[in-house]
């Protein structure tokens, strides 16, 4: 039995499976669809690979806002006691603050949550790593005065802030002998920022971390408790 339907030839024989034979035009459409699908899958794969390796070009900058010195965490009294104190608020979550404070022989970097009563609750200590767009392929230690912004993996509107971080790094704790982590924190994550290094010779990381992954601050705290 033979029939024709919209340029598809359908041939059937009794007691045999039905077979479809497409025209050259249909084969062309099928190949175009396959090619487009492969291209889309390849694009998606490249996106996630880049996101996990070094996603600064794909992730968006959150435009951290610098808090004026003499207010917030960096009060006049604190500034009189310490050599350095810098504070930023995340635009998408203003109660989340990134703070760098300390002395010439050791600066502590960490995230805090500003409570309604003005109290700063320490969340986690981190190592800041900056990507300098003027120096392709290199990552640098994020001195407080070199940090311009933070890199976030998603857009605004998330219920919980995520940062790009990794515990897979070789930043040596021996360099920070004057800075102590909270007693509960066994590991320190490296967090990705954007900046412009002023001391490339000494700030460039010889073995920079690459596998930055989206992580909530709570998730980082859970991972930091494990040795």
N, C-alpha and C. Protein backbone atom coordinates (compact mmCIF):
# COMPACT_ATOMS: atom_id res chain seq x y z
N UNK A 1 0.86 -1.18 0.00
CA UNK A 1 0.00 0.00 0.00
C UNK A 1 0.89 1.23 0.00
N UNK A 2 0.60 2.21 -0.84
CA UNK A 2 1.40 3.42 -0.93
C UNK A 2 0.51 4.64 -0.81
N UNK A 3 0.96 5.62 -0.03
CA UNK A 3 0.22 6.86 0.10
C UNK A 3 1.16 8.04 0.10
N UNK A 4 0.62 9.24 -0.10
CA UNK A 4 1.43 10.45 -0.12
C UNK A 4 0.79 11.49 0.80
N UNK A 5 1.62 12.12 1.62
CA UNK A 5 1.12 13.12 2.57
C UNK A 5 2.18 14.18 2.76
N UNK A 6 1.93 15.38 2.24
CA UNK A 6 2.84 16.51 2.41
C UNK A 6 4.28 16.15 2.06
N UNK A 7 4.45 15.56 0.88
CA UNK A 7 5.77 15.22 0.34
C UNK A 7 6.45 14.08 1.09
N UNK A 8 5.79 13.47 2.04
CA UNK A 8 6.33 12.28 2.71
C UNK A 8 5.71 11.05 2.05
N UNK A 9 6.56 10.20 1.58
CA UNK A 9 6.07 8.96 0.98
C UNK A 9 5.99 7.89 2.04
N UNK A 10 4.81 7.32 2.20
CA UNK A 10 4.58 6.29 3.21
C UNK A 10 4.28 4.99 2.50
N UNK A 11 5.13 4.01 2.68
CA UNK A 11 4.92 2.71 2.06
C UNK A 11 4.71 1.68 3.16
N UNK A 12 3.66 0.93 3.03
CA UNK A 12 3.34 -0.08 4.03
C UNK A 12 3.06 -1.41 3.36
N UNK A 13 3.53 -2.44 3.99
CA UNK A 13 3.19 -3.79 3.59
C UNK A 13 2.52 -4.46 4.77
N UNK A 14 1.53 -5.23 4.48
CA UNK A 14 0.78 -5.90 5.54
C UNK A 14 1.72 -6.75 6.38
N UNK A 15 1.52 -6.73 7.72
CA UNK A 15 2.28 -7.54 8.68
C UNK A 15 3.74 -7.13 8.78
N UNK A 16 4.10 -5.93 8.29
CA UNK A 16 5.46 -5.43 8.43
C UNK A 16 5.42 -4.05 9.08
N UNK A 17 6.47 -3.69 9.83
CA UNK A 17 6.49 -2.36 10.46
C UNK A 17 6.42 -1.28 9.41
N UNK A 18 5.78 -0.18 9.76
CA UNK A 18 5.67 0.94 8.84
C UNK A 18 7.01 1.63 8.69
N UNK A 19 7.40 1.99 7.49
CA UNK A 19 8.64 2.70 7.22
C UNK A 19 8.33 4.03 6.58
N UNK A 20 9.09 5.05 6.97
CA UNK A 20 8.91 6.39 6.42
C UNK A 20 10.11 6.75 5.58
N UNK A 21 9.89 7.28 4.41
CA UNK A 21 10.95 7.70 3.52
C UNK A 21 10.80 9.18 3.25
N UNK A 22 11.78 9.97 3.67
CA UNK A 22 11.69 11.42 3.52
C UNK A 22 12.31 11.85 2.21
N UNK A 23 11.83 12.98 1.71
CA UNK A 23 12.39 13.56 0.49
C UNK A 23 13.69 14.26 0.81
N UNK A 24 14.42 14.67 -0.21
CA UNK A 24 15.67 15.39 0.00
C UNK A 24 15.43 16.67 0.78
N UNK A 25 14.33 17.33 0.52
CA UNK A 25 14.01 18.58 1.24
C UNK A 25 13.85 18.32 2.73
N UNK A 26 13.16 17.21 3.03
CA UNK A 26 12.96 16.89 4.45
C UNK A 26 14.27 16.53 5.12
N UNK A 27 15.14 15.77 4.41
CA UNK A 27 16.45 15.45 4.96
C UNK A 27 17.24 16.72 5.27
N UNK A 28 17.12 17.70 4.38
CA UNK A 28 17.81 18.96 4.62
C UNK A 28 17.32 19.65 5.87
N UNK A 29 16.00 19.64 6.09
CA UNK A 29 15.43 20.27 7.29
C UNK A 29 15.87 19.53 8.55
N UNK A 30 15.92 18.18 8.45
CA UNK A 30 16.35 17.40 9.61
C UNK A 30 17.79 17.71 9.97
N UNK A 31 18.67 17.80 8.96
CA UNK A 31 20.08 18.08 9.21
C UNK A 31 20.25 19.48 9.80
N UNK A 32 19.47 20.45 9.29
CA UNK A 32 19.55 21.81 9.84
C UNK A 32 19.15 21.82 11.31
N UNK A 33 18.11 21.05 11.64
CA UNK A 33 17.65 20.99 13.03
C UNK A 33 18.71 20.34 13.91
N UNK A 34 19.31 19.25 13.41
CA UNK A 34 20.37 18.60 14.19
C UNK A 34 21.54 19.54 14.42
N UNK A 35 21.95 20.25 13.39
CA UNK A 35 23.09 21.17 13.51
C UNK A 35 22.79 22.27 14.53
N UNK A 36 21.58 22.85 14.44
CA UNK A 36 21.21 23.92 15.38
C UNK A 36 21.19 23.41 16.81
N UNK A 37 20.69 22.17 16.98
CA UNK A 37 20.65 21.59 18.33
C UNK A 37 22.05 21.38 18.88
N UNK A 38 22.95 20.85 18.03
CA UNK A 38 24.34 20.65 18.47
C UNK A 38 24.99 21.97 18.85
N UNK A 39 24.71 23.03 18.08
CA UNK A 39 25.28 24.34 18.38
C UNK A 39 24.79 24.86 19.72
N UNK A 40 23.48 24.68 19.97
CA UNK A 40 22.93 25.15 21.25
C UNK A 40 23.53 24.38 22.42
N UNK A 41 23.64 23.05 22.27
CA UNK A 41 24.24 22.25 23.34
C UNK A 41 25.70 22.62 23.57
N UNK A 42 26.43 22.89 22.48
CA UNK A 42 27.83 23.28 22.62
C UNK A 42 27.94 24.61 23.34
N UNK A 43 27.03 25.54 23.03
CA UNK A 43 27.07 26.85 23.69
C UNK A 43 26.78 26.72 25.18
N UNK A 44 25.79 25.87 25.52
CA UNK A 44 25.45 25.67 26.92
C UNK A 44 26.63 25.03 27.66
N UNK A 45 27.27 24.04 27.02
CA UNK A 45 28.41 23.38 27.64
C UNK A 45 29.55 24.35 27.88
N UNK A 46 29.86 25.18 26.87
CA UNK A 46 30.94 26.17 27.03
C UNK A 46 30.61 27.14 28.15
N UNK A 47 29.34 27.54 28.26
CA UNK A 47 28.94 28.49 29.30
C UNK A 47 29.25 27.94 30.69
N UNK A 48 28.83 26.69 30.94
CA UNK A 48 29.02 26.13 32.28
C UNK A 48 30.49 25.82 32.55
N UNK A 49 31.24 25.43 31.53
CA UNK A 49 32.66 25.19 31.73
C UNK A 49 33.37 26.48 32.11
N UNK A 50 33.06 27.55 31.42
CA UNK A 50 33.68 28.84 31.74
C UNK A 50 33.24 29.33 33.10
N UNK A 51 31.99 29.09 33.42
CA UNK A 51 31.49 29.53 34.73
C UNK A 51 32.25 28.87 35.86
N UNK A 52 32.55 27.58 35.71
CA UNK A 52 33.25 26.86 36.77
C UNK A 52 34.73 27.17 36.81
N UNK A 53 35.32 27.51 35.65
CA UNK A 53 36.76 27.74 35.63
C UNK A 53 37.10 29.16 36.03
N UNK A 54 36.66 30.13 35.26
CA UNK A 54 36.96 31.51 35.60
C UNK A 54 35.86 32.39 35.02
N UNK A 55 34.79 32.60 35.75
CA UNK A 55 33.57 33.14 35.18
C UNK A 55 33.45 34.65 35.21
N UNK A 56 34.53 35.39 35.43
CA UNK A 56 34.38 36.83 35.58
C UNK A 56 33.80 37.49 34.34
N UNK A 57 34.09 36.98 33.16
CA UNK A 57 33.59 37.60 31.95
C UNK A 57 32.11 37.30 31.74
N UNK A 58 31.60 36.24 32.35
CA UNK A 58 30.21 35.87 32.19
C UNK A 58 29.37 36.32 33.37
N UNK A 59 29.93 36.24 34.54
CA UNK A 59 29.20 36.68 35.72
C UNK A 59 29.11 38.20 35.72
N UNK A 60 28.22 38.73 36.53
CA UNK A 60 28.05 40.17 36.51
C UNK A 60 28.64 40.82 37.75
N UNK A 61 29.08 42.05 37.59
CA UNK A 61 29.60 42.82 38.72
C UNK A 61 28.42 43.40 39.49
N UNK A 62 28.53 43.39 40.79
CA UNK A 62 27.40 43.79 41.62
C UNK A 62 27.48 45.25 42.03
N UNK A 63 28.54 45.95 41.62
CA UNK A 63 28.70 47.34 42.00
C UNK A 63 28.64 47.52 43.51
N UNK A 64 29.55 46.92 44.20
CA UNK A 64 29.65 47.10 45.65
C UNK A 64 29.79 48.59 45.95
N UNK A 65 29.13 49.01 46.97
CA UNK A 65 29.18 50.41 47.37
C UNK A 65 30.12 50.59 48.55
N UNK A 66 31.08 51.45 48.40
CA UNK A 66 32.01 51.72 49.50
C UNK A 66 31.30 52.56 50.57
N UNK A 67 31.42 52.12 51.81
CA UNK A 67 30.85 52.87 52.93
C UNK A 67 31.86 53.93 53.37
N UNK A 68 31.44 55.18 53.52
CA UNK A 68 32.38 56.24 53.91
C UNK A 68 33.13 55.89 55.19
N UNK A 69 34.41 56.15 55.18
CA UNK A 69 35.22 55.88 56.36
C UNK A 69 34.80 56.83 57.48
N UNK A 70 34.84 56.29 58.68
CA UNK A 70 34.36 57.07 59.82
C UNK A 70 32.92 56.74 60.17
N UNK A 71 32.30 55.90 59.36
CA UNK A 71 30.93 55.47 59.64
C UNK A 71 30.85 53.96 59.45
N UNK A 72 29.71 53.38 59.80
CA UNK A 72 29.54 51.95 59.65
C UNK A 72 30.52 51.17 60.51
N UNK A 73 31.14 50.15 59.92
CA UNK A 73 32.10 49.32 60.65
C UNK A 73 33.35 50.12 60.98
N UNK A 74 33.80 50.91 60.03
CA UNK A 74 35.05 51.67 60.18
C UNK A 74 34.79 52.99 60.89
N UNK A 75 34.51 52.90 62.18
CA UNK A 75 34.26 54.10 62.97
C UNK A 75 35.56 54.87 63.18
N UNK A 76 35.42 56.08 63.65
CA UNK A 76 36.60 56.91 63.93
C UNK A 76 37.49 56.23 64.97
N UNK A 77 36.88 55.63 65.98
CA UNK A 77 37.66 54.96 67.02
C UNK A 77 38.43 53.77 66.45
N UNK A 78 37.77 52.97 65.61
CA UNK A 78 38.45 51.81 65.03
C UNK A 78 39.59 52.26 64.12
N UNK A 79 39.35 53.30 63.36
CA UNK A 79 40.38 53.78 62.44
C UNK A 79 41.58 54.35 63.19
N UNK A 80 41.32 54.87 64.39
CA UNK A 80 42.42 55.40 65.19
C UNK A 80 43.30 54.28 65.74
N UNK A 81 42.72 53.09 65.89
CA UNK A 81 43.47 51.96 66.44
C UNK A 81 44.15 51.13 65.35
N UNK A 82 43.56 51.07 64.16
CA UNK A 82 44.07 50.20 63.11
C UNK A 82 44.67 51.00 61.95
N UNK A 83 45.54 50.33 61.19
CA UNK A 83 46.16 50.99 60.04
C UNK A 83 45.21 51.05 58.85
N UNK A 84 44.38 50.03 58.71
CA UNK A 84 43.51 49.95 57.55
C UNK A 84 42.10 49.54 57.97
N UNK A 85 41.11 50.13 57.31
CA UNK A 85 39.73 49.71 57.51
C UNK A 85 38.92 50.15 56.29
N UNK A 86 38.35 49.17 55.59
CA UNK A 86 37.54 49.44 54.40
C UNK A 86 36.27 48.61 54.50
N UNK A 87 35.18 49.18 54.06
CA UNK A 87 33.89 48.48 54.11
C UNK A 87 33.10 48.74 52.83
N UNK A 88 32.47 47.67 52.33
CA UNK A 88 31.61 47.77 51.17
C UNK A 88 30.27 47.10 51.47
N UNK A 89 29.20 47.61 50.86
CA UNK A 89 27.89 46.97 50.95
C UNK A 89 27.52 46.43 49.58
N UNK A 90 26.94 45.24 49.53
CA UNK A 90 26.49 44.68 48.27
C UNK A 90 25.19 45.34 47.84
N UNK A 91 25.15 45.78 46.59
CA UNK A 91 23.98 46.51 46.11
C UNK A 91 22.72 45.65 46.16
N UNK A 92 22.87 44.36 45.88
CA UNK A 92 21.70 43.47 45.85
C UNK A 92 21.27 43.02 47.24
N UNK A 93 22.15 43.19 48.22
CA UNK A 93 21.84 42.80 49.61
C UNK A 93 22.60 43.75 50.53
N UNK A 94 22.09 44.95 50.74
CA UNK A 94 22.83 45.99 51.48
C UNK A 94 23.24 45.60 52.89
N UNK A 95 22.55 44.62 53.48
CA UNK A 95 22.92 44.22 54.84
C UNK A 95 24.17 43.34 54.86
N UNK A 96 24.56 42.82 53.70
CA UNK A 96 25.77 42.02 53.60
C UNK A 96 26.95 42.95 53.34
N UNK A 97 27.93 42.92 54.22
CA UNK A 97 29.07 43.83 54.12
C UNK A 97 30.37 43.02 53.96
N UNK A 98 31.23 43.53 53.11
CA UNK A 98 32.57 42.99 52.97
C UNK A 98 33.51 43.97 53.64
N UNK A 99 34.34 43.47 54.55
CA UNK A 99 35.19 44.34 55.37
C UNK A 99 36.63 43.88 55.30
N UNK A 100 37.53 44.85 55.17
CA UNK A 100 38.97 44.60 55.27
C UNK A 100 39.51 45.50 56.38
N UNK A 101 40.10 44.89 57.40
CA UNK A 101 40.59 45.67 58.53
C UNK A 101 41.87 45.06 59.07
N UNK A 102 42.72 45.90 59.62
CA UNK A 102 43.92 45.37 60.24
C UNK A 102 45.09 46.32 60.19
N UNK A 103 46.27 45.72 60.15
CA UNK A 103 47.50 46.50 60.26
C UNK A 103 48.43 46.17 59.10
N UNK A 104 49.53 46.86 59.04
CA UNK A 104 50.47 46.66 57.94
C UNK A 104 51.02 45.24 57.90
N UNK A 105 51.02 44.55 59.04
CA UNK A 105 51.54 43.19 59.07
C UNK A 105 50.43 42.13 59.00
N UNK A 106 49.21 42.56 58.72
CA UNK A 106 48.13 41.58 58.57
C UNK A 106 46.77 42.24 58.49
N UNK A 107 46.06 41.99 57.38
CA UNK A 107 44.71 42.52 57.19
C UNK A 107 43.74 41.35 57.11
N UNK A 108 42.67 41.43 57.84
CA UNK A 108 41.64 40.39 57.79
C UNK A 108 40.54 40.80 56.83
N UNK A 109 40.13 39.86 55.99
CA UNK A 109 39.06 40.10 55.03
C UNK A 109 37.91 39.16 55.36
N UNK A 110 36.70 39.70 55.41
CA UNK A 110 35.58 38.83 55.74
C UNK A 110 34.24 39.45 55.42
N UNK A 111 33.23 38.61 55.44
CA UNK A 111 31.85 39.05 55.23
C UNK A 111 31.15 39.18 56.58
N UNK A 112 30.32 40.20 56.66
CA UNK A 112 29.54 40.46 57.86
C UNK A 112 28.09 40.70 57.46
N UNK A 113 27.20 40.55 58.43
CA UNK A 113 25.80 40.91 58.23
C UNK A 113 25.45 42.02 59.20
N UNK A 114 24.98 43.13 58.65
CA UNK A 114 24.59 44.27 59.48
C UNK A 114 23.19 44.04 60.02
N UNK A 115 23.09 43.95 61.35
CA UNK A 115 21.81 43.73 62.00
C UNK A 115 21.02 45.03 62.11
N UNK A 116 19.73 44.88 62.42
CA UNK A 116 18.87 46.06 62.54
C UNK A 116 19.29 47.00 63.64
N UNK A 117 19.96 46.47 64.67
CA UNK A 117 20.40 47.30 65.79
C UNK A 117 21.78 47.93 65.57
N UNK A 118 22.32 47.72 64.35
CA UNK A 118 23.63 48.29 64.04
C UNK A 118 24.80 47.38 64.36
N UNK A 119 24.52 46.22 64.94
CA UNK A 119 25.58 45.27 65.26
C UNK A 119 26.04 44.54 64.01
N UNK A 120 27.34 44.31 63.91
CA UNK A 120 27.90 43.57 62.78
C UNK A 120 28.16 42.13 63.20
N UNK A 121 27.47 41.20 62.54
CA UNK A 121 27.66 39.78 62.83
C UNK A 121 28.64 39.21 61.82
N UNK A 122 29.76 38.68 62.33
CA UNK A 122 30.76 38.10 61.44
C UNK A 122 30.23 36.82 60.83
N UNK A 123 30.39 36.69 59.49
CA UNK A 123 29.92 35.49 58.80
C UNK A 123 31.07 34.54 58.52
N UNK A 124 32.09 35.01 57.81
CA UNK A 124 33.19 34.12 57.43
C UNK A 124 34.40 34.94 56.98
N UNK A 125 35.56 34.42 57.28
CA UNK A 125 36.81 35.02 56.81
C UNK A 125 37.14 34.45 55.44
N UNK A 126 37.66 35.29 54.53
CA UNK A 126 37.95 34.84 53.17
C UNK A 126 39.30 35.40 52.70
N UNK A 127 39.80 34.81 51.60
CA UNK A 127 40.95 35.34 50.89
C UNK A 127 40.44 36.04 49.63
N UNK A 128 40.68 37.31 49.47
CA UNK A 128 40.22 37.99 48.26
C UNK A 128 41.19 37.79 47.10
N UNK A 129 40.67 37.40 45.96
CA UNK A 129 41.45 37.23 44.74
C UNK A 129 40.84 38.15 43.69
N UNK A 130 41.67 38.92 43.00
CA UNK A 130 41.13 39.84 42.01
C UNK A 130 41.56 39.45 40.61
N UNK A 131 40.66 39.69 39.69
CA UNK A 131 40.97 39.58 38.27
C UNK A 131 41.13 40.99 37.73
N UNK A 132 42.28 41.27 37.18
CA UNK A 132 42.60 42.58 36.62
C UNK A 132 42.45 42.48 35.10
N UNK A 133 41.48 43.19 34.53
CA UNK A 133 41.20 43.08 33.10
C UNK A 133 42.35 43.55 32.24
N UNK A 134 43.26 44.33 32.81
CA UNK A 134 44.40 44.82 32.04
C UNK A 134 45.54 43.80 31.99
N UNK A 135 45.39 42.71 32.75
CA UNK A 135 46.44 41.69 32.80
C UNK A 135 45.80 40.32 32.59
N UNK A 136 45.58 40.00 31.34
CA UNK A 136 44.84 38.80 30.95
C UNK A 136 45.52 37.53 31.45
N UNK A 137 44.69 36.63 31.98
CA UNK A 137 45.17 35.32 32.37
C UNK A 137 45.76 35.23 33.76
N UNK A 138 45.96 36.35 34.43
CA UNK A 138 46.59 36.34 35.75
C UNK A 138 45.56 36.68 36.83
N UNK A 139 45.79 36.15 38.02
CA UNK A 139 45.00 36.51 39.19
C UNK A 139 45.93 37.04 40.26
N UNK A 140 45.41 37.93 41.10
CA UNK A 140 46.24 38.62 42.06
C UNK A 140 45.60 38.60 43.44
N UNK A 141 46.48 38.71 44.45
CA UNK A 141 45.97 38.89 45.80
C UNK A 141 45.23 40.22 45.86
N UNK A 142 44.06 40.22 46.50
CA UNK A 142 43.23 41.41 46.52
C UNK A 142 43.50 42.32 47.70
N UNK A 143 44.52 43.14 47.56
CA UNK A 143 44.72 44.16 48.59
C UNK A 143 43.48 45.06 48.64
N UNK A 144 43.16 45.54 49.84
CA UNK A 144 41.93 46.30 50.02
C UNK A 144 41.86 47.50 49.07
N UNK A 145 42.99 48.16 48.85
CA UNK A 145 42.99 49.35 48.01
C UNK A 145 42.97 49.02 46.52
N UNK A 146 43.09 47.73 46.18
CA UNK A 146 43.04 47.32 44.78
C UNK A 146 41.67 46.78 44.37
N UNK A 147 40.81 46.50 45.33
CA UNK A 147 39.50 45.91 45.05
C UNK A 147 38.52 47.00 44.59
N UNK A 148 37.88 46.74 43.44
CA UNK A 148 36.88 47.66 42.91
C UNK A 148 35.47 47.12 43.03
N UNK A 149 35.32 45.81 42.92
CA UNK A 149 33.98 45.23 42.87
C UNK A 149 34.04 43.75 43.19
N UNK A 150 32.89 43.16 43.38
CA UNK A 150 32.80 41.72 43.60
C UNK A 150 32.13 41.09 42.39
N UNK A 151 32.47 39.85 42.10
CA UNK A 151 31.85 39.13 40.99
C UNK A 151 30.81 38.18 41.57
N UNK A 152 29.58 38.27 41.06
CA UNK A 152 28.52 37.39 41.51
C UNK A 152 28.06 36.52 40.35
N UNK A 153 27.64 35.29 40.61
CA UNK A 153 27.31 34.37 39.53
C UNK A 153 25.95 34.55 38.90
N UNK A 154 25.04 35.26 39.57
CA UNK A 154 23.69 35.40 39.03
C UNK A 154 23.20 36.82 39.10
N UNK A 155 21.96 36.99 38.71
CA UNK A 155 21.37 38.33 38.71
C UNK A 155 20.71 38.60 40.05
N UNK A 156 20.29 39.87 40.21
CA UNK A 156 19.60 40.25 41.45
C UNK A 156 18.29 39.49 41.57
N UNK A 157 17.75 39.46 42.76
CA UNK A 157 16.46 38.82 42.98
C UNK A 157 16.56 37.46 43.64
N UNK A 158 17.76 36.96 43.82
CA UNK A 158 17.90 35.68 44.50
C UNK A 158 17.58 35.85 45.99
N UNK A 159 17.07 34.79 46.59
CA UNK A 159 16.73 34.85 48.00
C UNK A 159 17.97 34.93 48.87
N UNK A 160 19.06 34.33 48.43
CA UNK A 160 20.29 34.33 49.21
C UNK A 160 21.46 34.69 48.31
N UNK A 161 22.32 35.54 48.81
CA UNK A 161 23.46 36.00 48.02
C UNK A 161 24.42 34.85 47.75
N UNK A 162 24.88 34.77 46.50
CA UNK A 162 25.92 33.82 46.14
C UNK A 162 27.16 34.58 45.69
N UNK A 163 28.31 34.05 46.02
CA UNK A 163 29.58 34.59 45.56
C UNK A 163 30.29 33.49 44.77
N UNK A 164 31.36 33.88 44.08
CA UNK A 164 32.18 32.90 43.38
C UNK A 164 33.38 32.59 44.25
N UNK A 165 33.48 31.34 44.69
CA UNK A 165 34.51 30.99 45.67
C UNK A 165 35.04 29.59 45.42
N UNK A 166 36.17 29.29 46.05
CA UNK A 166 36.76 27.96 45.96
C UNK A 166 37.63 27.70 47.17
N UNK A 167 37.65 26.45 47.59
CA UNK A 167 38.59 26.01 48.63
C UNK A 167 39.81 25.35 48.00
N UNK A 168 39.79 25.20 46.68
CA UNK A 168 40.90 24.58 45.97
C UNK A 168 41.91 25.66 45.56
N UNK A 169 42.76 26.01 46.50
CA UNK A 169 43.77 27.04 46.24
C UNK A 169 45.03 26.71 47.04
N UNK A 170 46.09 27.44 46.74
CA UNK A 170 47.37 27.20 47.42
C UNK A 170 47.83 28.44 48.18
N UNK A 171 46.91 29.33 48.49
CA UNK A 171 47.25 30.51 49.27
C UNK A 171 47.65 30.04 50.66
N UNK A 172 48.84 30.40 51.09
CA UNK A 172 49.43 29.85 52.30
C UNK A 172 49.06 30.68 53.52
N UNK A 173 48.52 30.02 54.52
CA UNK A 173 48.13 30.70 55.75
C UNK A 173 49.33 31.28 56.49
N UNK A 174 50.52 30.78 56.21
CA UNK A 174 51.72 31.29 56.88
C UNK A 174 51.97 32.76 56.58
N UNK A 175 51.42 33.23 55.47
CA UNK A 175 51.61 34.64 55.12
C UNK A 175 50.77 35.56 56.01
N UNK A 176 49.87 34.98 56.79
CA UNK A 176 48.94 35.80 57.57
C UNK A 176 49.03 35.43 59.04
N UNK A 177 50.23 35.42 59.55
CA UNK A 177 50.44 34.97 60.92
C UNK A 177 49.81 35.91 61.95
N UNK A 178 49.61 37.16 61.57
CA UNK A 178 49.05 38.12 62.52
C UNK A 178 47.52 38.16 62.46
N UNK A 179 46.93 37.34 61.60
CA UNK A 179 45.47 37.30 61.46
C UNK A 179 44.98 35.92 61.85
N UNK A 180 43.97 35.87 62.69
CA UNK A 180 43.43 34.60 63.15
C UNK A 180 42.00 34.41 62.66
N UNK A 181 41.70 33.18 62.29
CA UNK A 181 40.34 32.85 61.90
C UNK A 181 39.50 32.57 63.13
N UNK A 182 38.17 32.65 63.01
CA UNK A 182 37.32 32.24 64.13
C UNK A 182 37.62 30.79 64.50
N UNK A 183 37.38 30.43 65.73
CA UNK A 183 37.73 29.08 66.20
C UNK A 183 37.03 28.00 65.40
N UNK A 184 35.82 28.26 64.95
CA UNK A 184 35.06 27.24 64.23
C UNK A 184 35.54 27.05 62.80
N UNK A 185 36.23 28.06 62.22
CA UNK A 185 36.58 28.02 60.81
C UNK A 185 37.89 27.27 60.58
N UNK A 186 37.81 26.12 59.93
CA UNK A 186 38.99 25.28 59.68
C UNK A 186 39.64 25.57 58.33
N UNK A 187 38.86 26.05 57.38
CA UNK A 187 39.38 26.34 56.04
C UNK A 187 38.93 27.73 55.60
N UNK A 188 39.71 28.32 54.74
CA UNK A 188 39.41 29.69 54.27
C UNK A 188 39.22 29.67 52.76
N UNK A 189 38.05 30.09 52.28
CA UNK A 189 37.81 30.09 50.85
C UNK A 189 38.41 31.32 50.17
N UNK A 190 38.80 31.16 48.92
CA UNK A 190 39.20 32.29 48.09
C UNK A 190 37.95 32.78 47.36
N UNK A 191 37.74 34.07 47.34
CA UNK A 191 36.56 34.66 46.71
C UNK A 191 37.01 35.61 45.60
N UNK A 192 36.29 35.59 44.48
CA UNK A 192 36.70 36.34 43.30
C UNK A 192 36.14 37.77 43.30
N UNK A 193 37.03 38.72 43.06
CA UNK A 193 36.68 40.13 42.95
C UNK A 193 37.23 40.69 41.64
N UNK A 194 36.86 41.93 41.35
CA UNK A 194 37.40 42.67 40.21
C UNK A 194 38.23 43.82 40.77
N UNK A 195 39.35 44.11 40.15
CA UNK A 195 40.17 45.22 40.65
C UNK A 195 41.30 45.56 39.71
N UNK A 196 42.17 46.40 40.19
CA UNK A 196 43.35 46.81 39.43
C UNK A 196 44.55 46.75 40.37
N UNK A 197 45.42 45.79 40.13
CA UNK A 197 46.54 45.59 41.03
C UNK A 197 47.54 46.73 40.95
N UNK A 198 48.02 47.17 42.09
CA UNK A 198 49.03 48.23 42.14
C UNK A 198 50.42 47.67 42.41
N UNK A 199 50.47 46.37 42.74
CA UNK A 199 51.75 45.72 43.03
C UNK A 199 51.81 44.36 42.32
N UNK A 200 51.80 44.36 41.00
CA UNK A 200 51.71 43.08 40.27
C UNK A 200 52.85 42.12 40.55
N UNK A 201 54.04 42.65 40.82
CA UNK A 201 55.20 41.78 41.03
C UNK A 201 55.04 40.91 42.27
N UNK A 202 54.47 41.47 43.32
CA UNK A 202 54.34 40.71 44.56
C UNK A 202 52.93 40.17 44.78
N UNK A 203 51.95 40.73 44.07
CA UNK A 203 50.56 40.33 44.30
C UNK A 203 50.11 39.19 43.41
N UNK A 204 50.81 38.95 42.29
CA UNK A 204 50.37 37.90 41.39
C UNK A 204 50.50 36.54 42.04
N UNK A 205 49.44 35.75 41.95
CA UNK A 205 49.44 34.43 42.54
C UNK A 205 50.14 33.46 41.58
N UNK A 206 51.20 32.78 42.02
CA UNK A 206 51.96 31.90 41.12
C UNK A 206 51.15 30.70 40.65
N UNK A 207 50.28 30.20 41.51
CA UNK A 207 49.40 29.10 41.14
C UNK A 207 47.96 29.51 41.46
N UNK A 208 47.38 30.33 40.60
CA UNK A 208 46.08 30.90 40.92
C UNK A 208 44.97 29.87 40.91
N UNK A 209 44.00 30.01 41.80
CA UNK A 209 42.85 29.10 41.79
C UNK A 209 42.03 29.34 40.54
N UNK A 210 41.41 28.29 40.01
CA UNK A 210 40.64 28.41 38.78
C UNK A 210 39.19 27.96 38.93
N UNK A 211 38.94 27.03 39.80
CA UNK A 211 37.61 26.44 39.86
C UNK A 211 36.71 27.19 40.84
N UNK A 212 36.43 28.44 40.52
CA UNK A 212 35.49 29.19 41.32
C UNK A 212 34.07 28.70 41.03
N UNK A 213 33.30 28.52 42.08
CA UNK A 213 31.94 28.01 41.92
C UNK A 213 30.96 28.89 42.69
N UNK A 214 29.72 28.99 42.21
CA UNK A 214 28.72 29.74 42.95
C UNK A 214 28.47 29.11 44.31
N UNK A 215 28.52 29.92 45.35
CA UNK A 215 28.32 29.42 46.70
C UNK A 215 27.61 30.47 47.53
N UNK A 216 26.66 30.05 48.33
CA UNK A 216 26.05 30.97 49.28
C UNK A 216 27.01 31.14 50.45
N UNK A 217 26.84 32.20 51.20
CA UNK A 217 27.70 32.41 52.36
C UNK A 217 27.47 31.33 53.41
N UNK A 218 26.21 30.90 53.54
CA UNK A 218 25.93 29.81 54.47
C UNK A 218 26.60 28.52 54.02
N UNK A 219 26.59 28.30 52.71
CA UNK A 219 27.25 27.11 52.18
C UNK A 219 28.74 27.15 52.42
N UNK A 220 29.35 28.32 52.26
CA UNK A 220 30.78 28.45 52.54
C UNK A 220 31.09 28.18 54.01
N UNK A 221 30.22 28.66 54.87
CA UNK A 221 30.43 28.42 56.31
C UNK A 221 30.40 26.92 56.63
N UNK A 222 29.46 26.23 56.03
CA UNK A 222 29.36 24.77 56.26
C UNK A 222 30.61 24.07 55.79
N UNK A 223 31.10 24.44 54.60
CA UNK A 223 32.30 23.81 54.06
C UNK A 223 33.54 24.19 54.86
N UNK A 224 33.57 25.41 55.38
CA UNK A 224 34.75 25.89 56.11
C UNK A 224 34.92 25.21 57.45
N UNK A 225 33.86 24.59 57.95
CA UNK A 225 33.95 23.89 59.24
C UNK A 225 34.65 22.56 59.11
N UNK A 226 34.71 22.04 57.87
CA UNK A 226 35.32 20.73 57.66
C UNK A 226 36.79 20.89 57.34
N UNK A 227 37.64 20.15 57.99
CA UNK A 227 39.09 20.22 57.80
C UNK A 227 39.47 19.64 56.43
